Amino acid sequence: MSDQKHIRLELTEEQKAQVKAATGKDARALELGVQELEERIAPMQPIHRGN
């Protein structure tokens, strides 16, 4: 896992406040592995073809 690249997203003041309100915890940034970020951006969905 140490070879996996990570993306760090710095939060705005508004986003920090939203995280605090939702979780009760302070956060300055989000860190996600590249694969996890890709899954959140474009989750795999089954392809539906017409009849």
Protein backbone atom coordinates (compact mmCIF):
# COMPACT_ATOMS: atom_id res chain seq x y z
CA MET A 1 0.00 0.00 0.00
CA SER A 2 2.95 2.35 0.45
CA ASP A 3 3.42 2.30 -3.34
CA GLN A 4 -0.13 3.55 -3.95
CA LYS A 5 -0.35 7.21 -4.93
CA HIS A 6 -2.56 9.48 -2.85
CA ILE A 7 -4.40 12.68 -3.67
CA ARG A 8 -4.72 15.37 -1.02
CA LEU A 9 -7.63 17.80 -1.31
CA GLU A 10 -7.39 20.90 0.89
CA LEU A 11 -10.77 21.96 2.27
CA THR A 12 -12.20 25.48 2.13
CA GLU A 13 -13.38 27.12 5.34
CA GLU A 14 -16.98 26.30 4.39
CA GLN A 15 -16.11 22.65 3.75
CA LYS A 16 -14.26 22.46 7.09
CA ALA A 17 -17.40 23.78 8.81
CA GLN A 18 -19.57 21.19 7.01
CA VAL A 19 -17.26 18.35 8.11
CA LYS A 20 -17.30 19.66 11.68
CA ALA A 21 -21.12 19.87 11.67
CA ALA A 22 -21.53 16.38 10.21
CA THR A 23 -18.88 14.53 12.21
CA GLY A 24 -17.96 16.69 15.17
CA LYS A 25 -14.33 16.47 14.05
CA ASP A 26 -11.92 19.03 12.64
CA ALA A 27 -10.44 18.35 9.21
CA ARG A 28 -8.13 20.40 7.02
CA ALA A 29 -7.94 18.06 4.03
CA LEU A 30 -9.08 14.77 2.55
CA GLU A 31 -6.55 12.17 1.46
CA LEU A 32 -7.66 9.43 -0.89
CA GLY A 33 -5.85 6.73 -2.79
CA VAL A 34 -6.05 7.16 -6.55
CA GLN A 35 -8.21 4.03 -6.91
CA GLU A 36 -10.62 5.16 -4.17
CA LEU A 37 -10.88 8.61 -5.76
CA GLU A 38 -11.64 7.09 -9.16
CA GLU A 39 -14.34 4.87 -7.62
CA ARG A 40 -15.97 7.91 -6.00
CA ILE A 41 -15.79 10.02 -9.17
CA ALA A 42 -16.96 7.35 -11.62
CA PRO A 43 -18.40 4.30 -9.83
CA MET A 44 -18.76 1.20 -11.97
CA GLN A 45 -22.33 0.77 -13.11
CA PRO A 46 -23.80 -1.99 -15.23
CA ILE A 47 -24.32 -1.12 -18.87
CA HIS A 48 -27.97 -1.26 -19.87
CA ARG A 49 -28.60 -1.91 -23.52
CA GLY A 50 -31.87 -1.26 -25.34
CA ASN A 51 -34.30 -4.11 -26.05
